[in-house]
Amino acid sequence: MEWKSVRDFVIVRDNGCDLGIEGREICGKILIHHMNPISVEDILKRSDFLLNPEFLISTILTTHNAIHYGDESLLVTEPIVRSRNDTCPWKH
């Protein structure tokens, strides 16, 4: 029950946005990421890292995996600004 309360607080604080970045609203499943690595000892001793919102952030799965696996190609990039006929080389 305590986790759900903290989780909800973090989602509201981050405005439901990936990494709390405005304009990156999460439309699907929201994961809460522990910014500091968690050990078994942290869990057994109920370390402050576990439920302190200062150490938690909202993410999507691909961002979460990019953080854990160091793969920047998984991160969301800004959309490409398109212009008329930019994909038709014969119309330039």
N, C-alpha and C. Protein backbone atom coordinates (compact mmCIF):
# COMPACT_ATOMS: atom_id res chain seq x y z
N MET A 1 0.82 -1.19 0.00
CA MET A 1 0.00 0.00 0.00
C MET A 1 0.87 1.26 0.00
N GLU A 2 1.92 1.25 0.77
CA GLU A 2 2.82 2.41 0.84
C GLU A 2 3.45 2.70 -0.53
N TRP A 3 3.86 1.63 -1.25
CA TRP A 3 4.45 1.81 -2.57
C TRP A 3 3.48 2.49 -3.53
N LYS A 4 2.22 2.06 -3.53
CA LYS A 4 1.23 2.64 -4.45
C LYS A 4 1.05 4.13 -4.19
N SER A 5 1.06 4.52 -2.94
CA SER A 5 0.92 5.92 -2.58
C SER A 5 2.11 6.74 -3.10
N VAL A 6 3.31 6.23 -2.89
CA VAL A 6 4.52 6.91 -3.37
C VAL A 6 4.54 6.94 -4.89
N ARG A 7 4.18 5.82 -5.51
CA ARG A 7 4.14 5.73 -6.98
C ARG A 7 3.19 6.78 -7.55
N ASP A 8 1.99 6.87 -7.00
CA ASP A 8 1.02 7.85 -7.46
C ASP A 8 1.54 9.27 -7.29
N PHE A 9 2.19 9.54 -6.16
CA PHE A 9 2.77 10.86 -5.91
C PHE A 9 3.79 11.22 -6.99
N VAL A 10 4.68 10.28 -7.32
CA VAL A 10 5.73 10.52 -8.31
C VAL A 10 5.12 10.78 -9.69
N ILE A 11 4.11 10.03 -10.07
CA ILE A 11 3.46 10.21 -11.37
C ILE A 11 2.83 11.61 -11.45
N VAL A 12 2.13 12.02 -10.39
CA VAL A 12 1.51 13.35 -10.37
C VAL A 12 2.60 14.43 -10.39
N ARG A 13 3.64 14.26 -9.59
CA ARG A 13 4.73 15.23 -9.55
C ARG A 13 5.35 15.41 -10.93
N ASP A 14 5.53 14.29 -11.66
CA ASP A 14 6.17 14.32 -12.98
C ASP A 14 5.17 14.62 -14.09
N ASN A 15 3.92 14.96 -13.72
CA ASN A 15 2.86 15.25 -14.69
C ASN A 15 2.66 14.12 -15.70
N GLY A 16 2.95 12.90 -15.29
CA GLY A 16 2.78 11.75 -16.18
C GLY A 16 3.69 11.78 -17.38
N CYS A 17 4.83 12.46 -17.25
CA CYS A 17 5.76 12.62 -18.38
C CYS A 17 7.01 11.76 -18.19
N ASP A 18 7.56 11.28 -19.30
CA ASP A 18 8.78 10.48 -19.28
C ASP A 18 9.92 11.34 -18.73
N LEU A 19 10.55 10.86 -17.67
CA LEU A 19 11.62 11.56 -16.95
C LEU A 19 11.17 12.92 -16.43
N GLY A 20 9.85 13.12 -16.33
CA GLY A 20 9.32 14.38 -15.83
C GLY A 20 9.52 15.53 -16.81
N ILE A 21 9.77 15.22 -18.09
CA ILE A 21 10.03 16.25 -19.10
C ILE A 21 8.72 16.65 -19.76
N GLU A 22 8.36 17.92 -19.61
CA GLU A 22 7.13 18.43 -20.22
C GLU A 22 7.14 18.19 -21.72
N GLY A 23 6.01 17.74 -22.25
CA GLY A 23 5.91 17.44 -23.68
C GLY A 23 6.17 15.98 -24.01
N ARG A 24 6.58 15.21 -23.02
CA ARG A 24 6.82 13.78 -23.23
C ARG A 24 5.85 12.96 -22.38
N GLU A 25 4.56 13.28 -22.58
CA GLU A 25 3.51 12.62 -21.82
C GLU A 25 3.51 11.12 -22.12
N ILE A 26 3.29 10.34 -21.09
CA ILE A 26 3.26 8.89 -21.22
C ILE A 26 1.81 8.48 -21.45
N CYS A 27 1.57 7.82 -22.58
CA CYS A 27 0.20 7.40 -22.92
C CYS A 27 -0.07 5.95 -22.54
N GLY A 28 0.96 5.21 -22.24
CA GLY A 28 0.79 3.80 -21.88
C GLY A 28 1.21 3.56 -20.44
N LYS A 29 1.84 2.43 -20.24
CA LYS A 29 2.26 2.02 -18.90
C LYS A 29 3.38 2.92 -18.39
N ILE A 30 3.25 3.35 -17.15
CA ILE A 30 4.26 4.19 -16.50
C ILE A 30 5.07 3.32 -15.54
N LEU A 31 6.38 3.34 -15.70
CA LEU A 31 7.27 2.65 -14.77
C LEU A 31 7.90 3.69 -13.85
N ILE A 32 8.10 3.32 -12.61
CA ILE A 32 8.79 4.20 -11.68
C ILE A 32 10.21 3.66 -11.52
N HIS A 33 11.18 4.49 -11.86
CA HIS A 33 12.59 4.09 -11.86
C HIS A 33 13.28 4.59 -10.60
N HIS A 34 14.02 3.70 -9.93
CA HIS A 34 14.88 4.09 -8.82
C HIS A 34 16.17 4.65 -9.41
N MET A 35 16.44 5.91 -9.17
CA MET A 35 17.62 6.55 -9.77
C MET A 35 18.93 6.06 -9.15
N ASN A 36 18.85 5.55 -7.93
CA ASN A 36 20.03 4.97 -7.30
C ASN A 36 19.89 3.45 -7.32
N PRO A 37 20.96 2.73 -7.63
CA PRO A 37 20.88 1.26 -7.64
C PRO A 37 20.40 0.73 -6.29
N ILE A 38 19.54 -0.26 -6.34
CA ILE A 38 18.98 -0.86 -5.12
C ILE A 38 19.62 -2.22 -4.91
N SER A 39 20.05 -2.47 -3.70
CA SER A 39 20.65 -3.76 -3.36
C SER A 39 19.68 -4.56 -2.49
N VAL A 40 19.98 -5.82 -2.32
CA VAL A 40 19.17 -6.67 -1.44
C VAL A 40 19.19 -6.09 -0.03
N GLU A 41 20.33 -5.61 0.38
CA GLU A 41 20.46 -5.01 1.72
C GLU A 41 19.53 -3.80 1.87
N ASP A 42 19.43 -2.98 0.81
CA ASP A 42 18.51 -1.83 0.85
C ASP A 42 17.08 -2.29 1.09
N ILE A 43 16.70 -3.36 0.44
CA ILE A 43 15.34 -3.89 0.59
C ILE A 43 15.13 -4.43 2.00
N LEU A 44 16.07 -5.22 2.47
CA LEU A 44 15.93 -5.82 3.80
C LEU A 44 15.91 -4.78 4.91
N LYS A 45 16.70 -3.72 4.75
CA LYS A 45 16.78 -2.67 5.77
C LYS A 45 15.82 -1.51 5.50
N ARG A 46 15.01 -1.64 4.42
CA ARG A 46 14.07 -0.59 4.03
C ARG A 46 14.77 0.76 3.92
N SER A 47 15.80 0.79 3.12
CA SER A 47 16.59 1.99 2.89
C SER A 47 15.71 3.15 2.43
N ASP A 48 16.17 4.35 2.70
CA ASP A 48 15.46 5.56 2.29
C ASP A 48 15.32 5.64 0.77
N PHE A 49 16.22 4.99 0.03
CA PHE A 49 16.16 5.01 -1.43
C PHE A 49 14.89 4.36 -1.98
N LEU A 50 14.32 3.42 -1.24
CA LEU A 50 13.20 2.64 -1.75
C LEU A 50 11.93 3.46 -1.98
N LEU A 51 11.56 4.29 -1.03
CA LEU A 51 10.28 4.98 -1.10
C LEU A 51 10.37 6.50 -1.06
N ASN A 52 11.56 7.04 -1.13
CA ASN A 52 11.72 8.49 -1.12
C ASN A 52 11.55 9.02 -2.54
N PRO A 53 10.53 9.87 -2.79
CA PRO A 53 10.29 10.38 -4.14
C PRO A 53 11.48 11.14 -4.74
N GLU A 54 12.36 11.63 -3.91
CA GLU A 54 13.55 12.33 -4.42
C GLU A 54 14.45 11.41 -5.24
N PHE A 55 14.32 10.11 -5.03
CA PHE A 55 15.16 9.14 -5.71
C PHE A 55 14.38 8.33 -6.75
N LEU A 56 13.17 8.78 -7.10
CA LEU A 56 12.31 8.07 -8.04
C LEU A 56 11.90 8.99 -9.18
N ILE A 57 11.66 8.40 -10.37
CA ILE A 57 11.21 9.19 -11.52
C ILE A 57 10.34 8.32 -12.43
N SER A 58 9.40 8.96 -13.10
CA SER A 58 8.51 8.27 -14.03
C SER A 58 9.22 8.03 -15.36
N THR A 59 9.06 6.83 -15.92
CA THR A 59 9.65 6.52 -17.22
C THR A 59 8.73 5.61 -18.03
N ILE A 60 9.06 5.51 -19.31
CA ILE A 60 8.44 4.48 -20.15
C ILE A 60 9.44 3.33 -20.23
N LEU A 61 9.01 2.19 -20.73
CA LEU A 61 9.88 1.01 -20.76
C LEU A 61 11.17 1.25 -21.54
N THR A 62 11.09 1.88 -22.71
CA THR A 62 12.31 2.06 -23.50
C THR A 62 13.31 2.99 -22.81
N THR A 63 12.81 4.04 -22.15
CA THR A 63 13.71 4.93 -21.40
C THR A 63 14.33 4.17 -20.24
N HIS A 64 13.52 3.40 -19.54
CA HIS A 64 14.00 2.60 -18.41
C HIS A 64 15.11 1.65 -18.87
N ASN A 65 14.89 0.97 -20.01
CA ASN A 65 15.90 0.04 -20.52
C ASN A 65 17.14 0.77 -21.00
N ALA A 66 16.99 1.95 -21.58
CA ALA A 66 18.15 2.74 -22.02
C ALA A 66 19.01 3.11 -20.82
N ILE A 67 18.37 3.45 -19.71
CA ILE A 67 19.11 3.80 -18.49
C ILE A 67 19.88 2.58 -17.99
N HIS A 68 19.21 1.44 -17.92
CA HIS A 68 19.84 0.24 -17.36
C HIS A 68 20.90 -0.36 -18.27
N TYR A 69 20.68 -0.31 -19.57
CA TYR A 69 21.59 -0.98 -20.49
C TYR A 69 22.50 -0.01 -21.25
N GLY A 70 22.37 1.29 -20.98
CA GLY A 70 23.25 2.28 -21.59
C GLY A 70 23.11 2.36 -23.10
N ASP A 71 21.92 2.11 -23.63
CA ASP A 71 21.70 2.11 -25.07
C ASP A 71 20.89 3.35 -25.47
N GLU A 72 21.59 4.41 -25.89
CA GLU A 72 20.93 5.66 -26.25
C GLU A 72 19.98 5.51 -27.42
N SER A 73 20.17 4.48 -28.24
CA SER A 73 19.28 4.30 -29.40
C SER A 73 17.85 3.99 -28.97
N LEU A 74 17.64 3.60 -27.71
CA LEU A 74 16.31 3.30 -27.21
C LEU A 74 15.56 4.56 -26.78
N LEU A 75 16.27 5.69 -26.62
CA LEU A 75 15.64 6.91 -26.14
C LEU A 75 14.75 7.54 -27.19
N VAL A 76 13.70 8.20 -26.72
CA VAL A 76 12.79 8.92 -27.60
C VAL A 76 13.51 10.14 -28.13
N THR A 77 13.42 10.35 -29.43
CA THR A 77 14.02 11.53 -30.04
C THR A 77 12.92 12.47 -30.49
N GLU A 78 13.30 13.71 -30.73
CA GLU A 78 12.33 14.69 -31.20
C GLU A 78 11.89 14.30 -32.60
N PRO A 79 10.62 14.56 -32.94
CA PRO A 79 10.15 14.23 -34.29
C PRO A 79 10.86 15.08 -35.34
N ILE A 80 11.05 14.51 -36.52
CA ILE A 80 11.67 15.22 -37.63
C ILE A 80 10.65 16.21 -38.18
N VAL A 81 11.09 17.46 -38.37
CA VAL A 81 10.20 18.45 -38.96
C VAL A 81 10.16 18.18 -40.46
N ARG A 82 8.96 17.94 -40.96
CA ARG A 82 8.80 17.60 -42.36
C ARG A 82 8.41 18.84 -43.17
N SER A 83 8.76 18.82 -44.45
CA SER A 83 8.34 19.89 -45.35
C SER A 83 7.80 19.26 -46.63
N ARG A 84 7.07 20.02 -47.37
CA ARG A 84 6.42 19.50 -48.57
C ARG A 84 7.46 18.93 -49.54
N ASN A 85 7.22 17.73 -50.03
CA ASN A 85 8.06 17.02 -51.01
C ASN A 85 9.47 16.69 -50.51
N ASP A 86 9.71 16.71 -49.22
CA ASP A 86 11.06 16.42 -48.72
C ASP A 86 11.47 14.96 -48.89
N THR A 87 10.52 14.09 -49.20
CA THR A 87 10.85 12.68 -49.46
C THR A 87 10.78 12.33 -50.94
N CYS A 88 10.54 13.31 -51.79
CA CYS A 88 10.46 13.07 -53.23
C CYS A 88 11.57 13.84 -53.93
N PRO A 89 12.75 13.22 -54.14
CA PRO A 89 13.89 13.96 -54.69
C PRO A 89 13.61 14.56 -56.08
N TRP A 90 12.72 13.97 -56.85
CA TRP A 90 12.46 14.47 -58.19
C TRP A 90 11.53 15.72 -58.18
N LYS A 91 11.01 16.09 -57.00
CA LYS A 91 10.14 17.26 -56.92
C LYS A 91 10.83 18.45 -56.29
N HIS A 92 12.14 18.39 -56.12
CA HIS A 92 12.86 19.54 -55.54
C HIS A 92 13.18 20.57 -56.57
